[in-house]
C-alpha atoms as a PDB file:
ATOM      1  CA  MET A   1     -20.146  -0.281 -31.946  1.00  0.00           C
ATOM      2  CA  ALA A   2     -17.046   1.810 -31.348  1.00  0.00           C
ATOM      3  CA  ALA A   3     -18.421   2.846 -28.039  1.00  0.00           C
ATOM      4  CA  VAL A   4     -19.318  -0.629 -27.055  1.00  0.00           C
ATOM      5  CA  TYR A   5     -15.616  -1.714 -28.020  1.00  0.00           C
ATOM      6  CA  ALA A   6     -14.173   1.264 -25.957  1.00  0.00           C
ATOM      7  CA  ALA A   7     -16.083   0.469 -22.829  1.00  0.00           C
ATOM      8  CA  ALA A   8     -15.009  -3.344 -22.973  1.00  0.00           C
ATOM      9  CA  GLN A   9     -11.485  -2.034 -22.885  1.00  0.00           C
ATOM     10  CA  VAL A  10     -11.821  -0.283 -19.474  1.00  0.00           C
ATOM     11  CA  GLU A  11     -10.750  -2.199 -16.671  1.00  0.00           C
ATOM     12  CA  ARG A  12     -11.678  -1.107 -13.081  1.00  0.00           C
ATOM     13  CA  ILE A  13      -9.138  -1.185 -10.277  1.00  0.00           C
ATOM     14  CA  ALA A  14      -9.501  -0.454  -6.563  1.00  0.00           C
ATOM     15  CA  ILE A  15      -6.360   0.581  -4.903  1.00  0.00           C
ATOM     16  CA  PHE A  16      -6.335   0.809  -0.986  1.00  0.00           C
ATOM     17  CA  ALA A  17      -3.777   2.583   1.176  1.00  0.00           C
ATOM     18  CA  ALA A  18      -3.997   3.634   4.679  1.00  0.00           C
ATOM     19  CA  LEU A  19      -2.150   7.283   4.606  1.00  0.00           C
ATOM     20  CA  GLN A  20      -2.740  10.654   2.792  1.00  0.00           C
ATOM     21  CA  TRP A  21       0.589  10.675   1.364  1.00  0.00           C
ATOM     22  CA  GLU A  22       0.389   7.036   0.085  1.00  0.00           C
ATOM     23  CA  CYS A  23      -2.839   7.808  -1.712  1.00  0.00           C
ATOM     24  CA  ARG A  24      -1.538  10.796  -2.980  1.00  0.00           C
ATOM     25  CA  ALA A  25       1.375   9.101  -4.760  1.00  0.00           C
ATOM     26  CA  VAL A  26      -1.199   7.237  -6.663  1.00  0.00           C
ATOM     27  CA  VAL A  27      -3.755   9.975  -7.296  1.00  0.00           C
ATOM     28  CA  ARG A  28      -1.161  12.073  -8.998  1.00  0.00           C
ATOM     29  CA  GLN A  29      -0.679   9.536 -11.721  1.00  0.00           C
ATOM     30  CA  LEU A  30      -4.430   9.798 -12.552  1.00  0.00           C
ATOM     31  CA  ARG A  31      -6.427  12.079 -14.893  1.00  0.00           C
ATOM     32  CA  GLN A  32      -9.908  13.706 -14.397  1.00  0.00           C
ATOM     33  CA  VAL A  33      -9.847  13.116 -10.728  1.00  0.00           C
ATOM     34  CA  THR A  34     -12.915  13.549  -8.538  1.00  0.00           C
ATOM     35  CA  ARG A  35     -12.989  13.082  -4.668  1.00  0.00           C
ATOM     36  CA  ASP A  36     -15.886  12.057  -2.763  1.00  0.00           C
ATOM     37  CA  ARG A  37     -16.584   9.658   0.253  1.00  0.00           C
ATOM     38  CA  VAL A  38     -17.643   5.726   0.428  1.00  0.00           C
ATOM     39  CA  GLY A  39     -19.131   5.788   3.943  1.00  0.00           C
ATOM     40  CA  PRO A  40     -16.604   7.478   6.372  1.00  0.00           C
ATOM     41  CA  PHE A  41     -13.746   6.790   3.763  1.00  0.00           C
ATOM     42  CA  VAL A  42     -12.221   9.297   1.444  1.00  0.00           C
ATOM     43  CA  ARG A  43     -12.274   7.933  -2.193  1.00  0.00           C
ATOM     44  CA  TRP A  44     -10.520   9.532  -5.199  1.00  0.00           C
ATOM     45  CA  ARG A  45     -11.862   8.320  -8.770  1.00  0.00           C
ATOM     46  CA  GLY A  46      -9.899   8.832 -12.016  1.00  0.00           C
ATOM     47  CA  GLN A  47      -8.493   7.769 -15.213  1.00  0.00           C
ATOM     48  CA  ALA A  48      -5.238   6.234 -16.097  1.00  0.00           C
ATOM     49  CA  VAL A  49      -5.154   5.121 -19.905  1.00  0.00           C
ATOM     50  CA  ARG A  50      -7.604   2.331 -20.177  1.00  0.00           C
ATOM     51  CA  HIS A  51      -8.315   1.979 -16.695  1.00  0.00           C
ATOM     52  CA  GLU A  52     -10.851   3.338 -14.273  1.00  0.00           C
ATOM     53  CA  VAL A  53      -9.239   3.572 -10.940  1.00  0.00           C
ATOM     54  CA  TRP A  54     -10.617   4.100  -7.395  1.00  0.00           C
ATOM     55  CA  VAL A  55      -8.148   5.195  -4.661  1.00  0.00           C
ATOM     56  CA  VAL A  56      -9.521   4.632  -1.144  1.00  0.00           C
ATOM     57  CA  LYS A  57      -8.008   5.810   2.099  1.00  0.00           C
ATOM     58  CA  THR A  58      -8.276   3.187   4.651  1.00  0.00           C
ATOM     59  CA  GLY A  59      -6.887   4.766   7.822  1.00  0.00           C
ATOM     60  CA  ILE A  60      -4.178   2.552   9.652  1.00  0.00           C
ATOM     61  CA  GLY A  61      -4.836  -0.958  10.911  1.00  0.00           C
ATOM     62  CA  LEU A  62      -6.727  -4.236  10.143  1.00  0.00           C
ATOM     63  CA  GLN A  63      -9.951  -3.209  11.538  1.00  0.00           C
ATOM     64  CA  ARG A  64     -10.182   0.134   9.330  1.00  0.00           C
ATOM     65  CA  ALA A  65      -8.790  -1.680   6.271  1.00  0.00           C
ATOM     66  CA  ALA A  66     -11.640  -4.339   6.438  1.00  0.00           C
ATOM     67  CA  ALA A  67     -14.262  -1.471   7.029  1.00  0.00           C
ATOM     68  CA  ALA A  68     -13.007   0.584   3.950  1.00  0.00           C
ATOM     69  CA  ALA A  69     -13.237  -2.595   1.839  1.00  0.00           C
ATOM     70  CA  GLY A  70     -16.528  -3.400   3.068  1.00  0.00           C
ATOM     71  CA  ALA A  71     -17.703   0.129   2.520  1.00  0.00           C
ATOM     72  CA  CYS A  72     -17.038  -0.189  -1.302  1.00  0.00           C
ATOM     73  CA  GLY A  73     -19.815  -2.583  -1.291  1.00  0.00           C
ATOM     74  CA  ASP A  74     -20.083  -5.232  -4.299  1.00  0.00           C
ATOM     75  CA  LEU A  75     -16.522  -5.462  -5.773  1.00  0.00           C
ATOM     76  CA  ALA A  76     -17.630  -7.857  -8.536  1.00  0.00           C
ATOM     77  CA  GLY A  77     -17.164  -5.118 -11.158  1.00  0.00           C
ATOM     78  CA  PHE A  78     -13.322  -4.669 -10.691  1.00  0.00           C
ATOM     79  CA  GLY A  79     -10.779  -6.417 -12.537  1.00  0.00           C
ATOM     80  CA  LEU A  80      -8.086  -5.848  -9.749  1.00  0.00           C
ATOM     81  CA  ILE A  81      -7.649  -5.203  -6.091  1.00  0.00           C
ATOM     82  CA  VAL A  82      -4.659  -3.459  -4.875  1.00  0.00           C
ATOM     83  CA  SER A  83      -3.134  -3.012  -1.427  1.00  0.00           C
ATOM     84  CA  THR A  84      -0.424  -0.348  -1.350  1.00  0.00           C
ATOM     85  CA  GLY A  85       1.435   2.124   0.940  1.00  0.00           C
ATOM     86  CA  CYS A  86       4.559   1.864   2.833  1.00  0.00           C
ATOM     87  CA  GLY A  87       5.788  -1.008   4.856  1.00  0.00           C
ATOM     88  CA  GLY A  88       8.686  -2.093   7.379  1.00  0.00           C
ATOM     89  CA  GLY A  89      11.537  -4.099   5.919  1.00  0.00           C
ATOM     90  CA  ILE A  90      12.042  -7.283   8.058  1.00  0.00           C
ATOM     91  CA  ALA A  91      14.518  -8.877   5.505  1.00  0.00           C
ATOM     92  CA  SER A  92      18.303  -7.509   5.911  1.00  0.00           C
ATOM     93  CA  GLU A  93      18.582  -6.729   2.277  1.00  0.00           C
ATOM     94  CA  LEU A  94      15.721  -4.115   2.125  1.00  0.00           C
ATOM     95  CA  HIS A  95      16.248  -0.347   2.713  1.00  0.00           C
ATOM     96  CA  ALA A  96      13.933   2.683   2.531  1.00  0.00           C
ATOM     97  CA  GLY A  97      12.641   3.221  -0.978  1.00  0.00           C
ATOM     98  CA  ASP A  98      12.740  -0.476  -2.132  1.00  0.00           C
ATOM     99  CA  LEU A  99       9.829  -2.277  -3.286  1.00  0.00           C
ATOM    100  CA  VAL A 100       8.424  -5.394  -1.987  1.00  0.00           C
ATOM    101  CA  VAL A 101       5.899  -7.144  -4.396  1.00  0.00           C
ATOM    102  CA  ALA A 102       3.930  -9.751  -2.258  1.00  0.00           C
ATOM    103  CA  THR A 103       3.784 -13.294  -3.135  1.00  0.00           C
ATOM    104  CA  ARG A 104       1.205 -13.567  -0.487  1.00  0.00           C
ATOM    105  CA  VAL A 105       0.131 -11.533   2.574  1.00  0.00           C
ATOM    106  CA  ARG A 106       0.122 -13.549   6.077  1.00  0.00           C
ATOM    107  CA  PRO A 107      -1.942 -12.950   9.122  1.00  0.00           C
ATOM    108  CA  GLU A 108       0.293 -13.231  12.461  1.00  0.00           C
ATOM    109  CA  HIS A 109       0.722 -16.475  14.061  1.00  0.00           C
ATOM    110  CA  GLY A 110       2.094 -18.437  11.364  1.00  0.00           C
ATOM    111  CA  ALA A 111      -0.729 -18.835   8.986  1.00  0.00           C
ATOM    112  CA  VAL A 112      -0.111 -19.496   5.320  1.00  0.00           C
ATOM    113  CA  GLY A 113      -2.275 -16.515   4.277  1.00  0.00           C
ATOM    114  CA  LEU A 114      -3.587 -15.204   0.947  1.00  0.00           C
ATOM    115  CA  PRO A 115      -1.776 -15.435  -2.316  1.00  0.00           C
ATOM    116  CA  ALA A 116      -1.350 -12.472  -4.850  1.00  0.00           C
ATOM    117  CA  ASP A 117      -2.090 -13.081  -8.332  1.00  0.00           C
ATOM    118  CA  ALA A 118       1.097 -14.493 -10.170  1.00  0.00           C
ATOM    119  CA  ALA A 119       0.356 -12.588 -13.523  1.00  0.00           C
ATOM    120  CA  ARG A 120      -0.177  -9.363 -11.814  1.00  0.00           C
ATOM    121  CA  ARG A 121       3.001  -9.836  -9.773  1.00  0.00           C
ATOM    122  CA  ALA A 122       4.918 -10.190 -12.734  1.00  0.00           C
ATOM    123  CA  GLU A 123       3.538  -7.210 -14.344  1.00  0.00           C
ATOM    124  CA  ALA A 124       4.399  -5.161 -11.158  1.00  0.00           C
ATOM    125  CA  VAL A 125       7.922  -6.428 -11.177  1.00  0.00           C
ATOM    126  CA  LEU A 126       8.584  -5.359 -14.636  1.00  0.00           C
ATOM    127  CA  ALA A 127       6.957  -2.102 -14.166  1.00  0.00           C
ATOM    128  CA  ALA A 128       9.322  -1.366 -10.898  1.00  0.00           C
ATOM    129  CA  ALA A 129      12.342  -2.270 -13.324  1.00  0.00           C
ATOM    130  CA  ALA A 130      11.127  -0.075 -15.954  1.00  0.00           C
ATOM    131  CA  ALA A 131      10.802   2.680 -13.359  1.00  0.00           C
ATOM    132  CA  GLY A 132      14.590   1.993 -12.210  1.00  0.00           C
ATOM    133  CA  LEU A 133      13.382   0.800  -8.824  1.00  0.00           C
ATOM    134  CA  ARG A 134      14.809  -1.972  -6.853  1.00  0.00           C
ATOM    135  CA  SER A 135      12.178  -4.705  -6.230  1.00  0.00           C
ATOM    136  CA  ILE A 136      12.097  -8.010  -4.193  1.00  0.00           C
ATOM    137  CA  GLU A 137       9.181 -10.578  -4.301  1.00  0.00           C
ATOM    138  CA  GLY A 138       8.352 -12.403  -1.000  1.00  0.00           C
ATOM    139  CA  PRO A 139       5.489 -12.928   1.661  1.00  0.00           C
ATOM    140  CA  ILE A 140       4.288  -9.701   3.757  1.00  0.00           C
ATOM    141  CA  LEU A 141       3.245 -10.326   7.154  1.00  0.00           C
ATOM    142  CA  CYS A 142       0.115  -8.192   7.909  1.00  0.00           C
ATOM    143  CA  SER A 143       0.478  -7.194  11.760  1.00  0.00           C
ATOM    144  CA  ALA A 144      -1.943  -5.676  14.292  1.00  0.00           C
ATOM    145  CA  ILE A 145       0.636  -3.511  15.593  1.00  0.00           C
ATOM    146  CA  ALA A 146       3.451  -1.451  14.404  1.00  0.00           C
ATOM    147  CA  LEU A 147       6.930  -3.277  14.396  1.00  0.00           C
ATOM    148  CA  THR A 148       8.986  -0.304  15.355  1.00  0.00           C
ATOM    149  CA  SER A 149      12.179  -2.217  16.855  1.00  0.00           C
ATOM    150  CA  ALA A 150      14.856  -4.367  15.107  1.00  0.00           C
ATOM    151  CA  ALA A 151      14.080  -6.960  17.640  1.00  0.00           C
ATOM    152  CA  ALA A 152      10.351  -7.104  16.733  1.00  0.00           C
ATOM    153  CA  LYS A 153      11.316  -7.319  13.132  1.00  0.00           C
ATOM    154  CA  ARG A 154      13.829 -10.290  13.491  1.00  0.00           C
ATOM    155  CA  ALA A 155      11.208 -12.137  15.330  1.00  0.00           C
ATOM    156  CA  ALA A 156       8.856 -11.444  12.663  1.00  0.00           C
ATOM    157  CA  ALA A 157      11.285 -12.828   9.824  1.00  0.00           C
ATOM    158  CA  ALA A 158      11.239 -16.170  11.603  1.00  0.00           C
ATOM    159  CA  ASP A 159       8.376 -17.227   9.265  1.00  0.00           C
ATOM    160  CA  GLY A 160      10.113 -16.102   6.071  1.00  0.00           C
ATOM    161  CA  SER A 161       8.238 -12.907   5.777  1.00  0.00           C
ATOM    162  CA  ILE A 162      10.345 -10.174   4.199  1.00  0.00           C
ATOM    163  CA  ALA A 163       8.069  -7.148   5.032  1.00  0.00           C
ATOM    164  CA  VAL A 164       5.446  -6.093   7.294  1.00  0.00           C
ATOM    165  CA  ASP A 165       2.255  -3.921   6.670  1.00  0.00           C
ATOM    166  CA  MET A 166      -0.953  -3.367   8.773  1.00  0.00           C
ATOM    167  CA  GLU A 167      -3.728  -3.632   6.210  1.00  0.00           C
ATOM    168  CA  GLY A 168      -2.904  -6.256   3.531  1.00  0.00           C
ATOM    169  CA  VAL A 169      -5.031  -9.168   4.847  1.00  0.00           C
ATOM    170  CA  PRO A 170      -8.109  -7.707   4.980  1.00  0.00           C
ATOM    171  CA  ILE A 171      -8.005  -6.390   1.598  1.00  0.00           C
ATOM    172  CA  ALA A 172      -6.885  -9.575   0.230  1.00  0.00           C
ATOM    173  CA  THR A 173      -9.804 -11.293   1.830  1.00  0.00           C
ATOM    174  CA  ARG A 174     -12.240  -9.211   0.381  1.00  0.00           C
ATOM    175  CA  ALA A 175     -10.594  -9.534  -3.150  1.00  0.00           C
ATOM    176  CA  ALA A 176     -10.602 -13.459  -2.507  1.00  0.00           C
ATOM    177  CA  ALA A 177     -14.280 -13.455  -1.401  1.00  0.00           C
ATOM    178  CA  ALA A 178     -15.298 -11.642  -4.825  1.00  0.00           C
ATOM    179  CA  GLY A 179     -13.309 -13.731  -7.004  1.00  0.00           C
ATOM    180  CA  ILE A 180     -10.823 -10.921  -7.981  1.00  0.00           C
ATOM    181  CA  PRO A 181      -7.154 -11.050  -8.657  1.00  0.00           C
ATOM    182  CA  PHE A 182      -5.116  -9.441  -5.637  1.00  0.00           C
ATOM    183  CA  LEU A 183      -1.811  -7.458  -5.819  1.00  0.00           C
ATOM    184  CA  ALA A 184       0.198  -6.032  -2.783  1.00  0.00           C
ATOM    185  CA  VAL A 185       2.944  -3.395  -3.695  1.00  0.00           C
ATOM    186  CA  ARG A 186       4.822  -1.764  -0.640  1.00  0.00           C
ATOM    187  CA  ALA A 187       7.494   0.953  -0.467  1.00  0.00           C
ATOM    188  CA  ILE A 188       9.927   0.056   2.265  1.00  0.00           C
ATOM    189  CA  LEU A 189      10.020   2.880   5.023  1.00  0.00           C
ATOM    190  CA  ASP A 190      12.249   1.505   7.684  1.00  0.00           C
ATOM    191  CA  GLY A 191      14.783  -1.354   7.256  1.00  0.00           C
ATOM    192  CA  ALA A 192      15.134  -4.333   9.535  1.00  0.00           C
ATOM    193  CA  GLY A 193      17.921  -2.687  11.542  1.00  0.00           C
ATOM    194  CA  ASP A 194      16.111   0.544  12.166  1.00  0.00           C
ATOM    195  CA  ASP A 195      14.772   1.230  15.595  1.00  0.00           C
ATOM    196  CA  LEU A 196      11.924   3.729  15.663  1.00  0.00           C
ATOM    197  CA  HIS A 197      11.109   5.320  18.921  1.00  0.00           C
ATOM    198  CA  VAL A 198       8.511   7.982  17.942  1.00  0.00           C
ATOM    199  CA  PRO A 199       5.308   6.797  19.627  1.00  0.00           C
ATOM    200  CA  GLU A 200       2.181   5.508  17.792  1.00  0.00           C
ATOM    201  CA  ALA A 201       0.062   8.030  19.738  1.00  0.00           C
ATOM    202  CA  LEU A 202       1.539  10.874  17.563  1.00  0.00           C
ATOM    203  CA  MET A 203      -0.547   9.214  14.525  1.00  0.00           C
ATOM    204  CA  ASN A 204      -4.018   9.914  13.736  1.00  0.00           C
ATOM    205  CA  PRO A 205      -4.988   6.569  12.785  1.00  0.00           C
ATOM    206  CA  ASP A 206      -8.092   7.733  10.984  1.00  0.00           C
ATOM    207  CA  ARG A 207      -6.651  10.353   8.968  1.00  0.00           C
ATOM    208  CA  GLY A 208      -3.192   9.115   8.761  1.00  0.00           C
ATOM    209  CA  GLY A 209      -1.487  12.337   9.878  1.00  0.00           C
ATOM    210  CA  VAL A 210       0.562  13.647  12.765  1.00  0.00           C
ATOM    211  CA  ARG A 211      -1.478  14.967  15.686  1.00  0.00           C
ATOM    212  CA  ALA A 212       0.320  18.539  15.699  1.00  0.00           C
ATOM    213  CA  LEU A 213      -0.494  19.183  19.550  1.00  0.00           C
ATOM    214  CA  ALA A 214       0.775  15.778  20.621  1.00  0.00           C
ATOM    215  CA  LEU A 215       3.859  16.154  18.592  1.00  0.00           C
ATOM    216  CA  ALA A 216       4.650  19.484  20.070  1.00  0.00           C
ATOM    217  CA  ARG A 217       3.924  18.148  23.501  1.00  0.00           C
ATOM    218  CA  TYR A 218       6.266  15.129  22.599  1.00  0.00           C
ATOM    219  CA  LEU A 219       9.114  17.188  21.623  1.00  0.00           C
ATOM    220  CA  ALA A 220       8.789  19.698  24.550  1.00  0.00           C
ATOM    221  CA  THR A 221       9.744  16.613  26.737  1.00  0.00           C
ATOM    222  CA  HIS A 222      12.035  14.802  24.169  1.00  0.00           C
ATOM    223  CA  PRO A 223      14.020  17.075  22.292  1.00  0.00           C
ATOM    224  CA  GLY A 224      16.450  14.743  21.130  1.00  0.00           C
ATOM    225  CA  ALA A 225      13.879  12.938  19.135  1.00  0.00           C
ATOM    226  CA  ILE A 226      13.950  15.885  16.610  1.00  0.00           C
ATOM    227  CA  GLY A 227      16.989  14.119  14.655  1.00  0.00           C
ATOM    228  CA  GLU A 228      15.024  10.885  14.779  1.00  0.00           C
ATOM    229  CA  LEU A 229      11.749  12.499  13.298  1.00  0.00           C
ATOM    230  CA  ARG A 230      13.866  14.118  10.572  1.00  0.00           C
ATOM    231  CA  GLY A 231      15.420  10.764   9.761  1.00  0.00           C
ATOM    232  CA  LEU A 232      11.885   9.237   9.565  1.00  0.00           C
ATOM    233  CA  GLN A 233      10.892  12.203   7.349  1.00  0.00           C
ATOM    234  CA  HIS A 234      13.683  11.348   4.823  1.00  0.00           C
ATOM    235  CA  MET A 235      12.544   7.734   4.975  1.00  0.00           C
ATOM    236  CA  GLN A 236       9.021   8.702   4.312  1.00  0.00           C
ATOM    237  CA  ARG A 237      10.051  10.737   1.207  1.00  0.00           C
ATOM    238  CA  ALA A 238      12.264   7.938  -0.222  1.00  0.00           C
ATOM    239  CA  ALA A 239       9.080   5.602   0.125  1.00  0.00           C
ATOM    240  CA  SER A 240       6.824   8.379  -1.382  1.00  0.00           C
ATOM    241  CA  ARG A 241       9.113   8.921  -4.496  1.00  0.00           C
ATOM    242  CA  SER A 242       9.169   5.176  -5.042  1.00  0.00           C
ATOM    243  CA  LEU A 243       5.571   4.807  -4.967  1.00  0.00           C
ATOM    244  CA  GLU A 244       5.127   7.544  -7.419  1.00  0.00           C
ATOM    245  CA  ARG A 245       7.403   6.334  -9.623  1.00  0.00           C
ATOM    246  CA  PHE A 246       6.186   2.864  -9.447  1.00  0.00           C
ATOM    247  CA  PHE A 247       2.575   3.882 -10.285  1.00  0.00           C
ATOM    248  CA  ALA A 248       3.311   6.162 -12.965  1.00  0.00           C
ATOM    249  CA  ARG A 249       5.194   3.332 -14.890  1.00  0.00           C
ATOM    250  CA  TRP A 250       2.712   0.463 -13.801  1.00  0.00           C
ATOM    251  CA  PHE A 251      -0.222   2.548 -15.368  1.00  0.00           C
ATOM    252  CA  VAL A 252       1.582   3.096 -18.651  1.00  0.00           C
ATOM    253  CA  GLU A 253       2.535  -0.815 -18.548  1.00  0.00           C
ATOM    254  CA  LEU A 254      -1.075  -1.836 -18.012  1.00  0.00           C
ATOM    255  CA  GLY A 255      -2.226   0.485 -20.891  1.00  0.00           C
ATOM    256  CA  THR A 256      -0.265  -1.080 -23.462  1.00  0.00           C
ATOM    257  CA  GLU A 257      -2.297  -4.481 -22.875  1.00  0.00           C
ATOM    258  CA  PRO A 258      -5.755  -3.900 -22.794  1.00  0.00           C
ATOM    259  CA  ARG A 259      -7.656  -6.545 -20.581  1.00  0.00           C
ATOM    260  CA  PRO A 260     -11.352  -7.624 -20.734  1.00  0.00           C
ATOM    261  CA  SER A 261     -13.429  -5.914 -18.071  1.00  0.00           C
ATOM    262  CA  ALA A 262     -14.104  -8.385 -15.123  1.00  0.00           C
END
């Protein structure tokens, strides 16, 4: 009976993030971690208090996120699906390292989008506060392209969205199809007023890292970009620290209130 009771307290959570450093911020908070693959996608599996956690690296963009969620097969055994990582701030009050807890994730072109679970949002807001992090709730726009200019972010804010990502809608769609609560938490990388001039071609969209040879060639012809790259590195560190602090606290908070397995 004790073994049956213990098993009933274990909730399975699937967490999807695009980039290696985003995944690492979550994985560092887990115990007994193993690494393998689901299809072409890297997956880490670990334990956090009463939870079995999958962390899946999707790569950048809508199509990769949809493929990664699909590669995980039947998600009916999970109690929660999470989309996380960094995002761009499009509300003026957001700065690098702030957290956005999505009320819903919206596709482009003014669609209403898909809601995040209200109870799970409340838990995330409380965990962020306990971790000493500034968090704001609001809609997140899921864009097919990176919004790197202040002008593009101002235009995106017209529908009331406060932040932008590139993977949330396919993950939320998969959760809705399986009837599983969905949560999206993003750490802000760049603020609404930040213009980023670093070409997307420098990033490997599958691995989520920088293409070293492409970066060397770019700096050879754009030496003035070193300062901007350093600034972007500082923003990334702020976002990474916030994700680590959030998930460290969030897993603890979830462990204080056991939930029945879905």
